[in-house]
């Protein structure tokens, strides 16, 4: 089955909306040549393999409430996210240098 990716949807959102489980994001990503961390474009088709198990309880709830998860952020929202600094957020070889 082919579904269209909505605005601000991630592969996790697609898996949740169409299979009822985020665990299926890996199978969907592989089937479409995506990475689970890819930024997806609205309107892009995504194949949902038929062999993927579905959680019908979640799917029925989402359909009844007309829920379409879209957890991505816009460029404007990205500018509002504070840059985290300090020892707890440093990465070796990136922002923390060992000499």
PDB file of N, CA and C in Angstrom:
ATOM      1  N   UNK A   1       0.848  -1.155   0.000  1.00  0.00           N
ATOM      2  CA  UNK A   1       0.000   0.000   0.000  1.00  0.00           C
ATOM      3  C   UNK A   1       0.907   1.236   0.000  1.00  0.00           C
ATOM      4  N   UNK A   2       0.552   2.234  -0.768  1.00  0.00           N
ATOM      5  CA  UNK A   2       1.316   3.469  -0.838  1.00  0.00           C
ATOM      6  C   UNK A   2       0.546   4.574  -0.130  1.00  0.00           C
ATOM      7  N   UNK A   3       1.239   5.277   0.743  1.00  0.00           N
ATOM      8  CA  UNK A   3       0.655   6.399   1.489  1.00  0.00           C
ATOM      9  C   UNK A   3       1.456   7.655   1.184  1.00  0.00           C
ATOM     10  N   UNK A   4       0.839   8.796   1.328  1.00  0.00           N
ATOM     11  CA  UNK A   4       1.501  10.075   1.086  1.00  0.00           C
ATOM     12  C   UNK A   4       1.937  10.672   2.427  1.00  0.00           C
ATOM     13  N   UNK A   5       3.191  11.091   2.474  1.00  0.00           N
ATOM     14  CA  UNK A   5       3.736  11.691   3.691  1.00  0.00           C
ATOM     15  C   UNK A   5       3.167  13.095   3.855  1.00  0.00           C
ATOM     16  N   UNK A   6       2.715  13.384   5.064  1.00  0.00           N
ATOM     17  CA  UNK A   6       2.142  14.685   5.377  1.00  0.00           C
ATOM     18  C   UNK A   6       3.213  15.661   5.842  1.00  0.00           C
ATOM     19  N   UNK A   7       2.853  16.937   5.897  1.00  0.00           N
ATOM     20  CA  UNK A   7       3.772  17.972   6.349  1.00  0.00           C
ATOM     21  C   UNK A   7       4.276  17.680   7.766  1.00  0.00           C
ATOM     22  N   UNK A   8       5.561  17.797   7.982  1.00  0.00           N
ATOM     23  CA  UNK A   8       6.245  17.597   9.272  1.00  0.00           C
ATOM     24  C   UNK A   8       6.199  16.166   9.789  1.00  0.00           C
ATOM     25  N   UNK A   9       5.909  15.187   8.936  1.00  0.00           N
ATOM     26  CA  UNK A   9       5.924  13.802   9.400  1.00  0.00           C
ATOM     27  C   UNK A   9       7.325  13.215   9.294  1.00  0.00           C
ATOM     28  N   UNK A  10       7.669  12.438  10.307  1.00  0.00           N
ATOM     29  CA  UNK A  10       8.911  11.668  10.295  1.00  0.00           C
ATOM     30  C   UNK A  10       8.552  10.228   9.948  1.00  0.00           C
ATOM     31  N   UNK A  11       9.553   9.391   9.751  1.00  0.00           N
ATOM     32  CA  UNK A  11       9.285   7.984   9.469  1.00  0.00           C
ATOM     33  C   UNK A  11       8.581   7.323  10.656  1.00  0.00           C
ATOM     34  N   UNK A  12       8.847   7.800  11.869  1.00  0.00           N
ATOM     35  CA  UNK A  12       8.152   7.281  13.048  1.00  0.00           C
ATOM     36  C   UNK A  12       6.664   7.620  12.987  1.00  0.00           C
ATOM     37  N   UNK A  13       6.338   8.846  12.570  1.00  0.00           N
ATOM     38  CA  UNK A  13       4.939   9.255  12.431  1.00  0.00           C
ATOM     39  C   UNK A  13       4.215   8.394  11.396  1.00  0.00           C
ATOM     40  N   UNK A  14       4.881   8.141  10.274  1.00  0.00           N
ATOM     41  CA  UNK A  14       4.291   7.338   9.200  1.00  0.00           C
ATOM     42  C   UNK A  14       4.013   5.923   9.711  1.00  0.00           C
ATOM     43  N   UNK A  15       4.991   5.338  10.395  1.00  0.00           N
ATOM     44  CA  UNK A  15       4.817   3.986  10.929  1.00  0.00           C
ATOM     45  C   UNK A  15       3.667   3.941  11.925  1.00  0.00           C
ATOM     46  N   UNK A  16       3.602   4.914  12.795  1.00  0.00           N
ATOM     47  CA  UNK A  16       2.545   4.949  13.806  1.00  0.00           C
ATOM     48  C   UNK A  16       1.172   5.132  13.165  1.00  0.00           C
ATOM     49  N   UNK A  17       1.060   6.044  12.224  1.00  0.00           N
ATOM     50  CA  UNK A  17      -0.227   6.324  11.600  1.00  0.00           C
ATOM     51  C   UNK A  17      -0.745   5.153  10.766  1.00  0.00           C
ATOM     52  N   UNK A  18       0.148   4.461  10.068  1.00  0.00           N
ATOM     53  CA  UNK A  18      -0.311   3.457   9.110  1.00  0.00           C
ATOM     54  C   UNK A  18      -0.160   2.013   9.574  1.00  0.00           C
ATOM     55  N   UNK A  19       0.577   1.806  10.695  1.00  0.00           N
ATOM     56  CA  UNK A  19       0.702   0.436  11.199  1.00  0.00           C
ATOM     57  C   UNK A  19       0.359   0.337  12.683  1.00  0.00           C
ATOM     58  N   UNK A  20       0.303   1.477  13.380  1.00  0.00           N
ATOM     59  CA  UNK A  20      -0.015   1.472  14.800  1.00  0.00           C
ATOM     60  C   UNK A  20       1.166   1.176  15.685  1.00  0.00           C
ATOM     61  N   UNK A  21       2.378   1.126  15.130  1.00  0.00           N
ATOM     62  CA  UNK A  21       3.561   0.813  15.932  1.00  0.00           C
ATOM     63  C   UNK A  21       4.797   1.510  15.361  1.00  0.00           C
ATOM     64  N   UNK A  22       5.547   2.198  16.222  1.00  0.00           N
ATOM     65  CA  UNK A  22       6.775   2.850  15.762  1.00  0.00           C
ATOM     66  C   UNK A  22       7.858   1.833  15.430  1.00  0.00           C
ATOM     67  N   UNK A  23       7.732   0.609  15.958  1.00  0.00           N
ATOM     68  CA  UNK A  23       8.720  -0.429  15.670  1.00  0.00           C
ATOM     69  C   UNK A  23       8.797  -0.746  14.180  1.00  0.00           C
ATOM     70  N   UNK A  24       7.740  -0.461  13.453  1.00  0.00           N
ATOM     71  CA  UNK A  24       7.709  -0.752  12.020  1.00  0.00           C
ATOM     72  C   UNK A  24       8.446   0.281  11.180  1.00  0.00           C
ATOM     73  N   UNK A  25       8.972   1.330  11.804  1.00  0.00           N
ATOM     74  CA  UNK A  25       9.655   2.375  11.038  1.00  0.00           C
ATOM     75  C   UNK A  25      10.860   1.814  10.281  1.00  0.00           C
ATOM     76  N   UNK A  26      11.531   0.811  10.851  1.00  0.00           N
ATOM     77  CA  UNK A  26      12.709   0.243  10.186  1.00  0.00           C
ATOM     78  C   UNK A  26      12.323  -0.478   8.898  1.00  0.00           C
ATOM     79  N   UNK A  27      11.263  -1.269   8.939  1.00  0.00           N
ATOM     80  CA  UNK A  27      10.811  -1.988   7.747  1.00  0.00           C
ATOM     81  C   UNK A  27      10.330  -1.009   6.676  1.00  0.00           C
ATOM     82  N   UNK A  28       9.636   0.045   7.093  1.00  0.00           N
ATOM     83  CA  UNK A  28       9.158   1.055   6.141  1.00  0.00           C
ATOM     84  C   UNK A  28      10.339   1.808   5.537  1.00  0.00           C
ATOM     85  N   UNK A  29      11.300   2.165   6.361  1.00  0.00           N
ATOM     86  CA  UNK A  29      12.485   2.873   5.867  1.00  0.00           C
ATOM     87  C   UNK A  29      13.241   2.023   4.849  1.00  0.00           C
ATOM     88  N   UNK A  30      13.441   0.753   5.150  1.00  0.00           N
ATOM     89  CA  UNK A  30      14.158  -0.136   4.228  1.00  0.00           C
ATOM     90  C   UNK A  30      13.391  -0.283   2.924  1.00  0.00           C
ATOM     91  N   UNK A  31      12.077  -0.458   3.003  1.00  0.00           N
ATOM     92  CA  UNK A  31      11.256  -0.642   1.809  1.00  0.00           C
ATOM     93  C   UNK A  31      11.278   0.573   0.882  1.00  0.00           C
ATOM     94  N   UNK A  32      11.550   1.753   1.447  1.00  0.00           N
ATOM     95  CA  UNK A  32      11.531   2.992   0.662  1.00  0.00           C
ATOM     96  C   UNK A  32      12.908   3.590   0.426  1.00  0.00           C
ATOM     97  N   UNK A  33      13.954   2.943   0.931  1.00  0.00           N
ATOM     98  CA  UNK A  33      15.300   3.481   0.765  1.00  0.00           C
ATOM     99  C   UNK A  33      15.555   4.708   1.624  1.00  0.00           C
ATOM    100  N   UNK A  34      14.804   4.834   2.730  1.00  0.00           N
ATOM    101  CA  UNK A  34      14.977   5.947   3.660  1.00  0.00           C
ATOM    102  C   UNK A  34      15.881   5.513   4.806  1.00  0.00           C
ATOM    103  N   UNK A  35      16.386   6.505   5.517  1.00  0.00           N
ATOM    104  CA  UNK A  35      17.001   6.289   6.814  1.00  0.00           C
ATOM    105  C   UNK A  35      15.959   6.702   7.848  1.00  0.00           C
ATOM    106  N   UNK A  36      16.003   6.112   9.037  1.00  0.00           N
ATOM    107  CA  UNK A  36      15.019   6.481  10.050  1.00  0.00           C
ATOM    108  C   UNK A  36      15.194   7.925  10.504  1.00  0.00           C
ATOM    109  N   UNK A  37      16.331   8.531  10.201  1.00  0.00           N
ATOM    110  CA  UNK A  37      16.563   9.917  10.606  1.00  0.00           C
ATOM    111  C   UNK A  37      16.369  10.914   9.459  1.00  0.00           C
ATOM    112  N   UNK A  38      15.953  10.439   8.291  1.00  0.00           N
ATOM    113  CA  UNK A  38      15.745  11.340   7.148  1.00  0.00           C
ATOM    114  C   UNK A  38      14.639  12.346   7.427  1.00  0.00           C
ATOM    115  N   UNK A  39      14.819  13.555   6.913  1.00  0.00           N
ATOM    116  CA  UNK A  39      13.757  14.560   6.920  1.00  0.00           C
ATOM    117  C   UNK A  39      12.918  14.309   5.675  1.00  0.00           C
ATOM    118  N   UNK A  40      11.672  13.987   5.863  1.00  0.00           N
ATOM    119  CA  UNK A  40      10.800  13.623   4.744  1.00  0.00           C
ATOM    120  C   UNK A  40      10.057  14.842   4.221  1.00  0.00           C
ATOM    121  N   UNK A  41       9.827  14.865   2.926  1.00  0.00           N
ATOM    122  CA  UNK A  41       9.106  15.966   2.293  1.00  0.00           C
ATOM    123  C   UNK A  41       7.628  15.624   2.184  1.00  0.00           C
ATOM    124  N   UNK A  42       6.790  16.615   2.445  1.00  0.00           N
ATOM    125  CA  UNK A  42       5.346  16.430   2.302  1.00  0.00           C
ATOM    126  C   UNK A  42       5.023  16.093   0.855  1.00  0.00           C
ATOM    127  N   UNK A  43       4.107  15.158   0.670  1.00  0.00           N
ATOM    128  CA  UNK A  43       3.698  14.751  -0.662  1.00  0.00           C
ATOM    129  C   UNK A  43       4.487  13.579  -1.219  1.00  0.00           C
ATOM    130  N   UNK A  44       5.558  13.200  -0.559  1.00  0.00           N
ATOM    131  CA  UNK A  44       6.380  12.080  -0.992  1.00  0.00           C
ATOM    132  C   UNK A  44       5.631  10.771  -0.750  1.00  0.00           C
ATOM    133  N   UNK A  45       5.591   9.869  -1.741  1.00  0.00           N
ATOM    134  CA  UNK A  45       4.918   8.589  -1.506  1.00  0.00           C
ATOM    135  C   UNK A  45       5.793   7.661  -0.674  1.00  0.00           C
ATOM    136  N   UNK A  46       5.160   6.874   0.161  1.00  0.00           N
ATOM    137  CA  UNK A  46       5.870   5.887   0.985  1.00  0.00           C
ATOM    138  C   UNK A  46       5.124   4.565   0.892  1.00  0.00           C
ATOM    139  N   UNK A  47       5.840   3.524   0.510  1.00  0.00           N
ATOM    140  CA  UNK A  47       5.246   2.191   0.449  1.00  0.00           C
ATOM    141  C   UNK A  47       5.244   1.576   1.838  1.00  0.00           C
ATOM    142  N   UNK A  48       4.094   1.065   2.244  1.00  0.00           N
ATOM    143  CA  UNK A  48       3.950   0.367   3.517  1.00  0.00           C
ATOM    144  C   UNK A  48       3.809  -1.113   3.169  1.00  0.00           C
ATOM    145  N   UNK A  49       4.855  -1.921   3.409  1.00  0.00           N
ATOM    146  CA  UNK A  49       4.778  -3.340   3.044  1.00  0.00           C
ATOM    147  C   UNK A  49       3.607  -4.054   3.722  1.00  0.00           C
ATOM    148  N   UNK A  50       2.958  -4.932   2.991  1.00  0.00           N
ATOM    149  CA  UNK A  50       1.792  -5.657   3.498  1.00  0.00           C
ATOM    150  C   UNK A  50       2.156  -6.622   4.624  1.00  0.00           C
ATOM    151  N   UNK A  51       3.409  -7.118   4.632  1.00  0.00           N
ATOM    152  CA  UNK A  51       3.803  -8.121   5.628  1.00  0.00           C
ATOM    153  C   UNK A  51       4.011  -7.539   7.029  1.00  0.00           C
ATOM    154  N   UNK A  52       4.027  -6.213   7.150  1.00  0.00           N
ATOM    155  CA  UNK A  52       4.260  -5.579   8.451  1.00  0.00           C
ATOM    156  C   UNK A  52       3.062  -5.833   9.361  1.00  0.00           C
ATOM    157  N   UNK A  53       3.317  -6.314  10.596  1.00  0.00           N
ATOM    158  CA  UNK A  53       2.200  -6.509  11.524  1.00  0.00           C
ATOM    159  C   UNK A  53       1.608  -5.167  11.941  1.00  0.00           C
ATOM    160  N   UNK A  54       0.304  -5.144  12.117  1.00  0.00           N
ATOM    161  CA  UNK A  54      -0.384  -3.903  12.476  1.00  0.00           C
ATOM    162  C   UNK A  54      -1.022  -4.028  13.846  1.00  0.00           C
ATOM    163  N   UNK A  55      -1.003  -2.941  14.600  1.00  0.00           N
ATOM    164  CA  UNK A  55      -1.682  -2.875  15.896  1.00  0.00           C
ATOM    165  C   UNK A  55      -3.048  -2.256  15.633  1.00  0.00           C
ATOM    166  N   UNK A  56      -4.057  -3.088  15.499  1.00  0.00           N
ATOM    167  CA  UNK A  56      -5.381  -2.600  15.114  1.00  0.00           C
ATOM    168  C   UNK A  56      -6.021  -1.718  16.180  1.00  0.00           C
ATOM    169  N   UNK A  57      -5.691  -1.932  17.451  1.00  0.00           N
ATOM    170  CA  UNK A  57      -6.236  -1.062  18.499  1.00  0.00           C
ATOM    171  C   UNK A  57      -5.801   0.383  18.288  1.00  0.00           C
ATOM    172  N   UNK A  58      -4.517   0.568  18.026  1.00  0.00           N
ATOM    173  CA  UNK A  58      -3.988   1.928  17.803  1.00  0.00           C
ATOM    174  C   UNK A  58      -4.549   2.495  16.505  1.00  0.00           C
ATOM    175  N   UNK A  59      -4.559   1.696  15.447  1.00  0.00           N
ATOM    176  CA  UNK A  59      -5.085   2.173  14.163  1.00  0.00           C
ATOM    177  C   UNK A  59      -6.546   2.581  14.262  1.00  0.00           C
ATOM    178  N   UNK A  60      -7.360   1.784  14.939  1.00  0.00           N
ATOM    179  CA  UNK A  60      -8.775   2.122  15.106  1.00  0.00           C
ATOM    180  C   UNK A  60      -8.949   3.409  15.896  1.00  0.00           C
ATOM    181  N   UNK A  61      -8.139   3.590  16.940  1.00  0.00           N
ATOM    182  CA  UNK A  61      -8.208   4.813  17.741  1.00  0.00           C
ATOM    183  C   UNK A  61      -7.823   6.031  16.891  1.00  0.00           C
ATOM    184  N   UNK A  62      -6.712   5.918  16.162  1.00  0.00           N
ATOM    185  CA  UNK A  62      -6.259   7.031  15.322  1.00  0.00           C
ATOM    186  C   UNK A  62      -7.299   7.369  14.265  1.00  0.00           C
ATOM    187  N   UNK A  63      -7.889   6.362  13.654  1.00  0.00           N
ATOM    188  CA  UNK A  63      -8.901   6.600  12.626  1.00  0.00           C
ATOM    189  C   UNK A  63     -10.160   7.230  13.221  1.00  0.00           C
ATOM    190  N   UNK A  64     -10.590   6.742  14.378  1.00  0.00           N
ATOM    191  CA  UNK A  64     -11.803   7.280  15.018  1.00  0.00           C
ATOM    192  C   UNK A  64     -11.625   8.739  15.421  1.00  0.00           C
ATOM    193  N   UNK A  65     -10.433   9.099  15.903  1.00  0.00           N
ATOM    194  CA  UNK A  65     -10.150  10.460  16.356  1.00  0.00           C
ATOM    195  C   UNK A  65      -9.562  11.342  15.252  1.00  0.00           C
ATOM    196  N   UNK A  66      -9.364  10.746  14.059  1.00  0.00           N
ATOM    197  CA  UNK A  66      -8.764  11.456  12.915  1.00  0.00           C
ATOM    198  C   UNK A  66      -7.389  12.036  13.271  1.00  0.00           C
ATOM    199  N   UNK A  67      -6.581  11.224  13.950  1.00  0.00           N
ATOM    200  CA  UNK A  67      -5.237  11.636  14.361  1.00  0.00           C
ATOM    201  C   UNK A  67      -4.248  11.329  13.243  1.00  0.00           C
ATOM    202  N   UNK A  68      -3.450  12.328  12.879  1.00  0.00           N
ATOM    203  CA  UNK A  68      -2.389  12.176  11.895  1.00  0.00           C
ATOM    204  C   UNK A  68      -1.113  12.745  12.507  1.00  0.00           C
ATOM    205  N   UNK A  69      -0.306  11.899  13.151  1.00  0.00           N
ATOM    206  CA  UNK A  69       0.880  12.415  13.843  1.00  0.00           C
ATOM    207  C   UNK A  69       1.854  13.105  12.895  1.00  0.00           C
ATOM    208  N   UNK A  70       2.380  14.221  13.341  1.00  0.00           N
ATOM    209  CA  UNK A  70       3.383  14.979  12.593  1.00  0.00           C
ATOM    210  C   UNK A  70       4.255  15.702  13.616  1.00  0.00           C
ATOM    211  N   UNK A  71       5.314  15.055  14.026  1.00  0.00           N
ATOM    212  CA  UNK A  71       6.137  15.578  15.117  1.00  0.00           C
ATOM    213  C   UNK A  71       7.336  16.390  14.658  1.00  0.00           C
ATOM    214  N   UNK A  72       7.485  16.569  13.360  1.00  0.00           N
ATOM    215  CA  UNK A  72       8.616  17.344  12.864  1.00  0.00           C
ATOM    216  C   UNK A  72       8.481  18.810  13.223  1.00  0.00           C
ATOM    217  N   UNK A  73       9.568  19.544  13.077  1.00  0.00           N
ATOM    218  CA  UNK A  73       9.545  20.973  13.366  1.00  0.00           C
ATOM    219  C   UNK A  73       9.750  21.763  12.075  1.00  0.00           C
ATOM    220  N   UNK A  74       9.296  22.973  12.088  1.00  0.00           N
ATOM    221  CA  UNK A  74       9.506  23.863  10.950  1.00  0.00           C
ATOM    222  C   UNK A  74      10.811  24.627  11.173  1.00  0.00           C
ATOM    223  N   UNK A  75      11.273  25.313  10.152  1.00  0.00           N
ATOM    224  CA  UNK A  75      12.495  26.107  10.278  1.00  0.00           C
ATOM    225  C   UNK A  75      12.333  27.180  11.345  1.00  0.00           C
ATOM    226  N   UNK A  76      11.121  27.762  11.435  1.00  0.00           N
ATOM    227  CA  UNK A  76      10.875  28.791  12.454  1.00  0.00           C
ATOM    228  C   UNK A  76      10.986  28.196  13.854  1.00  0.00           C
ATOM    229  N   UNK A  77      10.444  26.997  14.037  1.00  0.00           N
ATOM    230  CA  UNK A  77      10.526  26.348  15.338  1.00  0.00           C
ATOM    231  C   UNK A  77      11.962  25.955  15.671  1.00  0.00           C
ATOM    232  N   UNK A  78      12.741  25.557  14.660  1.00  0.00           N
ATOM    233  CA  UNK A  78      14.135  25.189  14.892  1.00  0.00           C
ATOM    234  C   UNK A  78      14.914  26.370  15.460  1.00  0.00           C
ATOM    235  N   UNK A  79      14.585  27.583  15.009  1.00  0.00           N
ATOM    236  CA  UNK A  79      15.276  28.771  15.506  1.00  0.00           C
ATOM    237  C   UNK A  79      14.914  29.079  16.955  1.00  0.00           C
ATOM    238  N   UNK A  80      13.760  28.572  17.420  1.00  0.00           N
ATOM    239  CA  UNK A  80      13.322  28.817  18.782  1.00  0.00           C
ATOM    240  C   UNK A  80      13.928  27.832  19.783  1.00  0.00           C
ATOM    241  N   UNK A  81      14.491  26.731  19.280  1.00  0.00           N
ATOM    242  CA  UNK A  81      15.068  25.712  20.162  1.00  0.00           C
ATOM    243  C   UNK A  81      16.403  26.233  20.684  1.00  0.00           C
ATOM    244  N   UNK A  82      16.582  26.302  22.001  1.00  0.00           N
ATOM    245  CA  UNK A  82      17.839  26.822  22.535  1.00  0.00           C
ATOM    246  C   UNK A  82      18.998  25.867  22.257  1.00  0.00           C
ATOM    247  N   UNK A  83      20.167  26.441  22.044  1.00  0.00           N
ATOM    248  CA  UNK A  83      21.376  25.644  21.874  1.00  0.00           C
ATOM    249  C   UNK A  83      21.833  25.224  23.261  1.00  0.00           C
ATOM    250  N   UNK A  84      21.920  23.928  23.475  1.00  0.00           N
ATOM    251  CA  UNK A  84      22.320  23.412  24.779  1.00  0.00           C
ATOM    252  C   UNK A  84      23.837  23.346  24.849  1.00  0.00           C
ATOM    253  N   UNK A  85      24.367  23.864  25.932  1.00  0.00           N
ATOM    254  CA  UNK A  85      25.816  23.895  26.108  1.00  0.00           C
ATOM    255  C   UNK A  85      26.165  23.354  27.478  1.00  0.00           C
ATOM    256  N   UNK A  86      27.408  23.033  27.637  1.00  0.00           N
ATOM    257  CA  UNK A  86      27.882  22.560  28.924  1.00  0.00           C
ATOM    258  C   UNK A  86      28.411  21.148  28.829  1.00  0.00           C
ATOM    259  N   UNK A  87      28.990  20.683  29.903  1.00  0.00           N
ATOM    260  CA  UNK A  87      29.659  19.391  29.921  1.00  0.00           C
ATOM    261  C   UNK A  87      28.704  18.240  29.595  1.00  0.00           C
ATOM    262  N   UNK A  88      27.444  18.356  29.966  1.00  0.00           N
ATOM    263  CA  UNK A  88      26.483  17.286  29.698  1.00  0.00           C
ATOM    264  C   UNK A  88      26.089  17.179  28.242  1.00  0.00           C
ATOM    265  N   UNK A  89      26.419  18.174  27.419  1.00  0.00           N
ATOM    266  CA  UNK A  89      26.012  18.172  26.020  1.00  0.00           C
ATOM    267  C   UNK A  89      27.192  18.170  25.059  1.00  0.00           C
ATOM    268  N   UNK A  90      28.395  18.058  25.579  1.00  0.00           N
ATOM    269  CA  UNK A  90      29.580  18.063  24.731  1.00  0.00           C
ATOM    270  C   UNK A  90      29.811  16.683  24.135  1.00  0.00           C
ATOM    271  N   UNK A  91      30.414  16.665  22.957  1.00  0.00           N
ATOM    272  CA  UNK A  91      30.735  15.429  22.265  1.00  0.00           C
ATOM    273  C   UNK A  91      32.234  15.373  22.027  1.00  0.00           C
ATOM    274  N   UNK A  92      32.831  14.232  22.310  1.00  0.00           N
ATOM    275  CA  UNK A  92      34.251  14.053  22.068  1.00  0.00           C
ATOM    276  C   UNK A  92      34.539  14.262  20.587  1.00  0.00           C
ATOM    277  N   UNK A  93      35.580  15.011  20.290  1.00  0.00           N
ATOM    278  CA  UNK A  93      35.983  15.258  18.928  1.00  0.00           C
ATOM    279  C   UNK A  93      35.142  16.288  18.194  1.00  0.00           C
ATOM    280  N   UNK A  94      34.067  16.736  18.806  1.00  0.00           N
ATOM    281  CA  UNK A  94      33.214  17.734  18.157  1.00  0.00           C
ATOM    282  C   UNK A  94      33.306  19.053  18.914  1.00  0.00           C
ATOM    283  N   UNK A  95      32.740  19.079  20.121  1.00  0.00           N
ATOM    284  CA  UNK A  95      32.779  20.304  20.911  1.00  0.00           C
ATOM    285  C   UNK A  95      33.666  20.169  22.149  1.00  0.00           C
ATOM    286  N   UNK A  96      34.144  18.969  22.393  1.00  0.00           N
ATOM    287  CA  UNK A  96      35.012  18.715  23.547  1.00  0.00           C
ATOM    288  C   UNK A  96      36.305  18.147  23.019  1.00  0.00           C
ATOM    289  N   UNK A  97      37.392  18.866  23.225  1.00  0.00           N
ATOM    290  CA  UNK A  97      38.681  18.445  22.676  1.00  0.00           C
ATOM    291  C   UNK A  97      39.559  17.866  23.782  1.00  0.00           C
ATOM    292  N   UNK A  98      40.154  16.732  23.454  1.00  0.00           N
ATOM    293  CA  UNK A  98      41.069  16.062  24.385  1.00  0.00           C
ATOM    294  C   UNK A  98      42.477  16.262  23.825  1.00  0.00           C
ATOM    295  N   UNK A  99      43.381  16.784  24.688  1.00  0.00           N
ATOM    296  CA  UNK A  99      44.756  16.980  24.209  1.00  0.00           C
ATOM    297  C   UNK A  99      45.733  16.300  25.117  1.00  0.00           C
TER     298      UNK A  99
END
